[in-house]
Amino acid sequence: MNSYLQLLVFFFAAMNPAAATVAMMKSAGPEVGRARQQVVAAGVTIAAVLYAGATFGAEQFLNALEIEAESFRVAAGIVMAASGVFIILRGAPEVESAGMGVRGALFPLAVPLLFSPAGVVAAISYGADDGAWKAFLALAVSLALAGVLLAWQARIGR
């Protein structure tokens, strides 16, 4: 498996769009269709901007904390493993519906479902190690796939 495909798989697993879709289905109000699709589009856009900041600011962030990328990689692995175990044991996170509009796109969709702790540490770790552009492109593809899943769910409803 080449390194870009590996990055894509890691980011897709860290974001866990399937769990985000299930959480959004649980919290969905009576609104479905176009309005929810707009919330999904806004949420994915917000998450992309946040991930861009984490990815392109990774080296500066680690330098400010005086942490080597190798040490942070260990911490990132622990956070990602803990997040995975949590999802396996507890299922999709329980979130309350924040309604429509920017508020619903920001919370809970963009943060914490798409811009998750595991995703953030992965973005910082891979942004510092593999280069920000390569990591961000893998993140963008993963976010696009997550957006398609969420938009499809929003279109058909529960």
C-alpha atoms as a PDB file:
ATOM      1  CA  MET A   1       0.000   0.000   0.000  1.00  0.00           C
ATOM      2  CA  ASN A   2       1.520   3.330  -0.980  1.00  0.00           C
ATOM      3  CA  SER A   3       1.917   6.066   1.600  1.00  0.00           C
ATOM      4  CA  TYR A   4      -0.875   8.292   0.222  1.00  0.00           C
ATOM      5  CA  LEU A   5      -3.415   5.474   0.277  1.00  0.00           C
ATOM      6  CA  GLN A   6      -2.268   4.616   3.789  1.00  0.00           C
ATOM      7  CA  LEU A   7      -2.802   8.237   4.858  1.00  0.00           C
ATOM      8  CA  LEU A   8      -6.261   8.189   3.300  1.00  0.00           C
ATOM      9  CA  VAL A   9      -7.209   5.060   5.243  1.00  0.00           C
ATOM     10  CA  PHE A  10      -5.834   6.465   8.507  1.00  0.00           C
ATOM     11  CA  PHE A  11      -7.713   9.749   8.170  1.00  0.00           C
ATOM     12  CA  PHE A  12     -10.923   8.022   7.146  1.00  0.00           C
ATOM     13  CA  ALA A  13     -10.657   5.772  10.218  1.00  0.00           C
ATOM     14  CA  ALA A  14      -9.767   8.697  12.495  1.00  0.00           C
ATOM     15  CA  MET A  15     -12.775  10.727  11.343  1.00  0.00           C
ATOM     16  CA  ASN A  16     -15.031   7.671  11.402  1.00  0.00           C
ATOM     17  CA  PRO A  17     -17.767   9.020   9.134  1.00  0.00           C
ATOM     18  CA  ALA A  18     -19.915   5.946   9.768  1.00  0.00           C
ATOM     19  CA  ALA A  19     -20.129   6.837  13.473  1.00  0.00           C
ATOM     20  CA  ALA A  20     -20.817  10.467  12.563  1.00  0.00           C
ATOM     21  CA  THR A  21     -23.630   9.331  10.268  1.00  0.00           C
ATOM     22  CA  VAL A  22     -25.161   7.151  12.985  1.00  0.00           C
ATOM     23  CA  ALA A  23     -24.851   9.967  15.540  1.00  0.00           C
ATOM     24  CA  MET A  24     -26.507  12.416  13.152  1.00  0.00           C
ATOM     25  CA  MET A  25     -29.325   9.943  12.457  1.00  0.00           C
ATOM     26  CA  LYS A  26     -29.918   9.564  16.201  1.00  0.00           C
ATOM     27  CA  SER A  27     -30.039  13.322  16.689  1.00  0.00           C
ATOM     28  CA  ALA A  28     -31.968  14.149  13.530  1.00  0.00           C
ATOM     29  CA  GLY A  29     -35.042  16.189  14.028  1.00  0.00           C
ATOM     30  CA  PRO A  30     -37.966  16.234  11.668  1.00  0.00           C
ATOM     31  CA  GLU A  31     -35.963  18.208   9.109  1.00  0.00           C
ATOM     32  CA  VAL A  32     -34.623  16.147   6.240  1.00  0.00           C
ATOM     33  CA  GLY A  33     -33.749  16.899   2.694  1.00  0.00           C
ATOM     34  CA  ARG A  34     -32.210  20.080   1.356  1.00  0.00           C
ATOM     35  CA  ALA A  35     -31.955  21.952   4.657  1.00  0.00           C
ATOM     36  CA  ARG A  36     -30.046  19.087   6.289  1.00  0.00           C
ATOM     37  CA  GLN A  37     -27.844  18.712   3.233  1.00  0.00           C
ATOM     38  CA  GLN A  38     -26.889  22.380   3.575  1.00  0.00           C
ATOM     39  CA  VAL A  39     -25.981  21.768   7.224  1.00  0.00           C
ATOM     40  CA  VAL A  40     -23.828  18.818   6.141  1.00  0.00           C
ATOM     41  CA  ALA A  41     -22.077  20.917   3.485  1.00  0.00           C
ATOM     42  CA  ALA A  42     -21.399  23.687   6.011  1.00  0.00           C
ATOM     43  CA  GLY A  43     -20.207  21.191   8.628  1.00  0.00           C
ATOM     44  CA  VAL A  44     -17.794  19.517   6.222  1.00  0.00           C
ATOM     45  CA  THR A  45     -16.484  22.938   5.158  1.00  0.00           C
ATOM     46  CA  ILE A  46     -15.947  24.021   8.774  1.00  0.00           C
ATOM     47  CA  ALA A  47     -14.156  20.739   9.544  1.00  0.00           C
ATOM     48  CA  ALA A  48     -11.961  21.188   6.448  1.00  0.00           C
ATOM     49  CA  VAL A  49     -10.914  24.672   7.577  1.00  0.00           C
ATOM     50  CA  LEU A  50     -10.116  23.391  11.076  1.00  0.00           C
ATOM     51  CA  TYR A  51      -8.134  20.466   9.673  1.00  0.00           C
ATOM     52  CA  ALA A  52      -6.242  22.829   7.363  1.00  0.00           C
ATOM     53  CA  GLY A  53      -5.187  24.843  10.403  1.00  0.00           C
ATOM     54  CA  ALA A  54      -4.096  21.712  12.252  1.00  0.00           C
ATOM     55  CA  THR A  55      -2.249  20.270   9.272  1.00  0.00           C
ATOM     56  CA  PHE A  56      -0.473  23.390   8.051  1.00  0.00           C
ATOM     57  CA  GLY A  57       0.279  24.571  11.587  1.00  0.00           C
ATOM     58  CA  ALA A  58       1.559  21.183  12.785  1.00  0.00           C
ATOM     59  CA  GLU A  59       5.262  22.005  12.822  1.00  0.00           C
ATOM     60  CA  GLN A  60       4.710  25.364  14.525  1.00  0.00           C
ATOM     61  CA  PHE A  61       2.427  23.718  17.101  1.00  0.00           C
ATOM     62  CA  LEU A  62       4.982  21.016  17.931  1.00  0.00           C
ATOM     63  CA  ASN A  63       7.798  23.588  18.036  1.00  0.00           C
ATOM     64  CA  ALA A  64       5.800  25.783  20.417  1.00  0.00           C
ATOM     65  CA  LEU A  65       5.265  22.800  22.724  1.00  0.00           C
ATOM     66  CA  GLU A  66       8.895  21.737  22.249  1.00  0.00           C
ATOM     67  CA  ILE A  67       7.813  18.223  21.300  1.00  0.00           C
ATOM     68  CA  GLU A  68       9.514  16.137  18.653  1.00  0.00           C
ATOM     69  CA  ALA A  69       7.304  14.696  15.911  1.00  0.00           C
ATOM     70  CA  GLU A  70       8.309  11.161  16.920  1.00  0.00           C
ATOM     71  CA  SER A  71       7.137  11.699  20.501  1.00  0.00           C
ATOM     72  CA  PHE A  72       3.887  13.228  19.340  1.00  0.00           C
ATOM     73  CA  ARG A  73       3.336  10.252  17.032  1.00  0.00           C
ATOM     74  CA  VAL A  74       3.241   7.982  20.102  1.00  0.00           C
ATOM     75  CA  ALA A  75       0.671  10.228  21.775  1.00  0.00           C
ATOM     76  CA  ALA A  76      -1.361  10.358  18.559  1.00  0.00           C
ATOM     77  CA  GLY A  77      -1.384   6.562  18.405  1.00  0.00           C
ATOM     78  CA  ILE A  78      -2.665   6.375  21.974  1.00  0.00           C
ATOM     79  CA  VAL A  79      -5.452   8.883  21.307  1.00  0.00           C
ATOM     80  CA  MET A  80      -6.458   7.134  18.081  1.00  0.00           C
ATOM     81  CA  ALA A  81      -6.470   3.713  19.763  1.00  0.00           C
ATOM     82  CA  ALA A  82      -8.515   4.995  22.699  1.00  0.00           C
ATOM     83  CA  SER A  83     -11.026   6.591  20.311  1.00  0.00           C
ATOM     84  CA  GLY A  84     -11.335   3.352  18.370  1.00  0.00           C
ATOM     85  CA  VAL A  85     -11.865   1.280  21.489  1.00  0.00           C
ATOM     86  CA  PHE A  86     -14.493   3.752  22.704  1.00  0.00           C
ATOM     87  CA  ILE A  87     -16.434   3.513  19.440  1.00  0.00           C
ATOM     88  CA  ILE A  88     -16.233  -0.288  19.440  1.00  0.00           C
ATOM     89  CA  LEU A  89     -17.385  -0.630  23.051  1.00  0.00           C
ATOM     90  CA  ARG A  90     -19.904   2.217  23.270  1.00  0.00           C
ATOM     91  CA  GLY A  91     -21.046   2.706  19.695  1.00  0.00           C
ATOM     92  CA  ALA A  92     -21.622   6.020  18.024  1.00  0.00           C
ATOM     93  CA  PRO A  93     -21.415   9.039  20.310  1.00  0.00           C
ATOM     94  CA  GLU A  94     -24.652  10.454  21.654  1.00  0.00           C
ATOM     95  CA  VAL A  95     -25.164  14.009  20.501  1.00  0.00           C
ATOM     96  CA  GLU A  96     -28.046  16.373  20.839  1.00  0.00           C
ATOM     97  CA  SER A  97     -29.498  17.979  17.773  1.00  0.00           C
ATOM     98  CA  ALA A  98     -28.452  21.597  17.493  1.00  0.00           C
ATOM     99  CA  GLY A  99     -30.967  22.275  14.764  1.00  0.00           C
ATOM    100  CA  MET A 100     -30.386  23.850  11.421  1.00  0.00           C
ATOM    101  CA  GLY A 101     -28.079  26.595  10.239  1.00  0.00           C
ATOM    102  CA  VAL A 102     -24.517  27.391  11.164  1.00  0.00           C
ATOM    103  CA  ARG A 103     -25.004  26.317  14.767  1.00  0.00           C
ATOM    104  CA  GLY A 104     -26.064  22.821  13.683  1.00  0.00           C
ATOM    105  CA  ALA A 105     -23.172  22.653  11.221  1.00  0.00           C
ATOM    106  CA  LEU A 106     -20.621  23.719  13.821  1.00  0.00           C
ATOM    107  CA  PHE A 107     -21.873  21.581  16.688  1.00  0.00           C
ATOM    108  CA  PRO A 108     -22.211  18.610  16.708  1.00  0.00           C
ATOM    109  CA  LEU A 109     -21.360  17.924  13.071  1.00  0.00           C
ATOM    110  CA  ALA A 110     -18.061  19.729  12.470  1.00  0.00           C
ATOM    111  CA  VAL A 111     -16.923  19.515  16.094  1.00  0.00           C
ATOM    112  CA  PRO A 112     -16.704  16.829  17.567  1.00  0.00           C
ATOM    113  CA  LEU A 113     -18.007  14.366  14.949  1.00  0.00           C
ATOM    114  CA  LEU A 114     -15.839  15.206  11.928  1.00  0.00           C
ATOM    115  CA  PHE A 115     -13.112  17.259  13.618  1.00  0.00           C
ATOM    116  CA  SER A 116     -12.560  14.613  16.253  1.00  0.00           C
ATOM    117  CA  PRO A 117      -9.689  14.265  18.730  1.00  0.00           C
ATOM    118  CA  ALA A 118      -8.335  11.295  16.773  1.00  0.00           C
ATOM    119  CA  GLY A 119      -8.542  13.261  13.542  1.00  0.00           C
ATOM    120  CA  VAL A 120      -6.784  16.280  15.039  1.00  0.00           C
ATOM    121  CA  VAL A 121      -3.833  14.321  16.397  1.00  0.00           C
ATOM    122  CA  ALA A 122      -3.582  12.402  13.114  1.00  0.00           C
ATOM    123  CA  ALA A 123      -3.571  15.688  11.159  1.00  0.00           C
ATOM    124  CA  ILE A 124      -0.861  17.156  13.361  1.00  0.00           C
ATOM    125  CA  SER A 125       1.226  13.987  13.334  1.00  0.00           C
ATOM    126  CA  TYR A 126       1.051  13.364   9.596  1.00  0.00           C
ATOM    127  CA  GLY A 127       1.251  17.063   8.774  1.00  0.00           C
ATOM    128  CA  ALA A 128       4.572  17.279  10.606  1.00  0.00           C
ATOM    129  CA  ASP A 129       5.914  13.967   9.258  1.00  0.00           C
ATOM    130  CA  ASP A 130       4.646  13.582   5.701  1.00  0.00           C
ATOM    131  CA  GLY A 131       4.208  17.185   4.685  1.00  0.00           C
ATOM    132  CA  ALA A 132       1.186  19.402   5.122  1.00  0.00           C
ATOM    133  CA  TRP A 133      -0.066  19.280   1.525  1.00  0.00           C
ATOM    134  CA  LYS A 134       0.049  15.513   1.277  1.00  0.00           C
ATOM    135  CA  ALA A 135      -1.719  15.108   4.619  1.00  0.00           C
ATOM    136  CA  PHE A 136      -4.319  17.756   3.828  1.00  0.00           C
ATOM    137  CA  LEU A 137      -5.154  16.232   0.438  1.00  0.00           C
ATOM    138  CA  ALA A 138      -5.753  12.870   2.125  1.00  0.00           C
ATOM    139  CA  LEU A 139      -7.901  14.655   4.712  1.00  0.00           C
ATOM    140  CA  ALA A 140      -9.870  16.440   1.992  1.00  0.00           C
ATOM    141  CA  VAL A 141     -10.670  13.165   0.238  1.00  0.00           C
ATOM    142  CA  SER A 142     -11.726  11.586   3.550  1.00  0.00           C
ATOM    143  CA  LEU A 143     -13.903  14.597   4.363  1.00  0.00           C
ATOM    144  CA  ALA A 144     -15.483  14.459   0.924  1.00  0.00           C
ATOM    145  CA  LEU A 145     -16.360  10.789   1.427  1.00  0.00           C
ATOM    146  CA  ALA A 146     -17.754  11.591   4.865  1.00  0.00           C
ATOM    147  CA  GLY A 147     -19.765  14.434   3.377  1.00  0.00           C
ATOM    148  CA  VAL A 148     -21.252  12.130   0.739  1.00  0.00           C
ATOM    149  CA  LEU A 149     -22.303   9.628   3.403  1.00  0.00           C
ATOM    150  CA  LEU A 150     -23.814  12.327   5.590  1.00  0.00           C
ATOM    151  CA  ALA A 151     -25.575  14.073   2.709  1.00  0.00           C
ATOM    152  CA  TRP A 152     -27.040  10.783   1.538  1.00  0.00           C
ATOM    153  CA  GLN A 153     -28.307  10.100   5.070  1.00  0.00           C
ATOM    154  CA  ALA A 154     -29.749  13.608   5.273  1.00  0.00           C
ATOM    155  CA  ARG A 155     -31.508  13.138   1.945  1.00  0.00           C
ATOM    156  CA  ILE A 156     -33.250   9.901   2.862  1.00  0.00           C
ATOM    157  CA  GLY A 157     -33.831  10.723   6.538  1.00  0.00           C
ATOM    158  CA  ARG A 158     -33.863   8.031   9.185  1.00  0.00           C
END
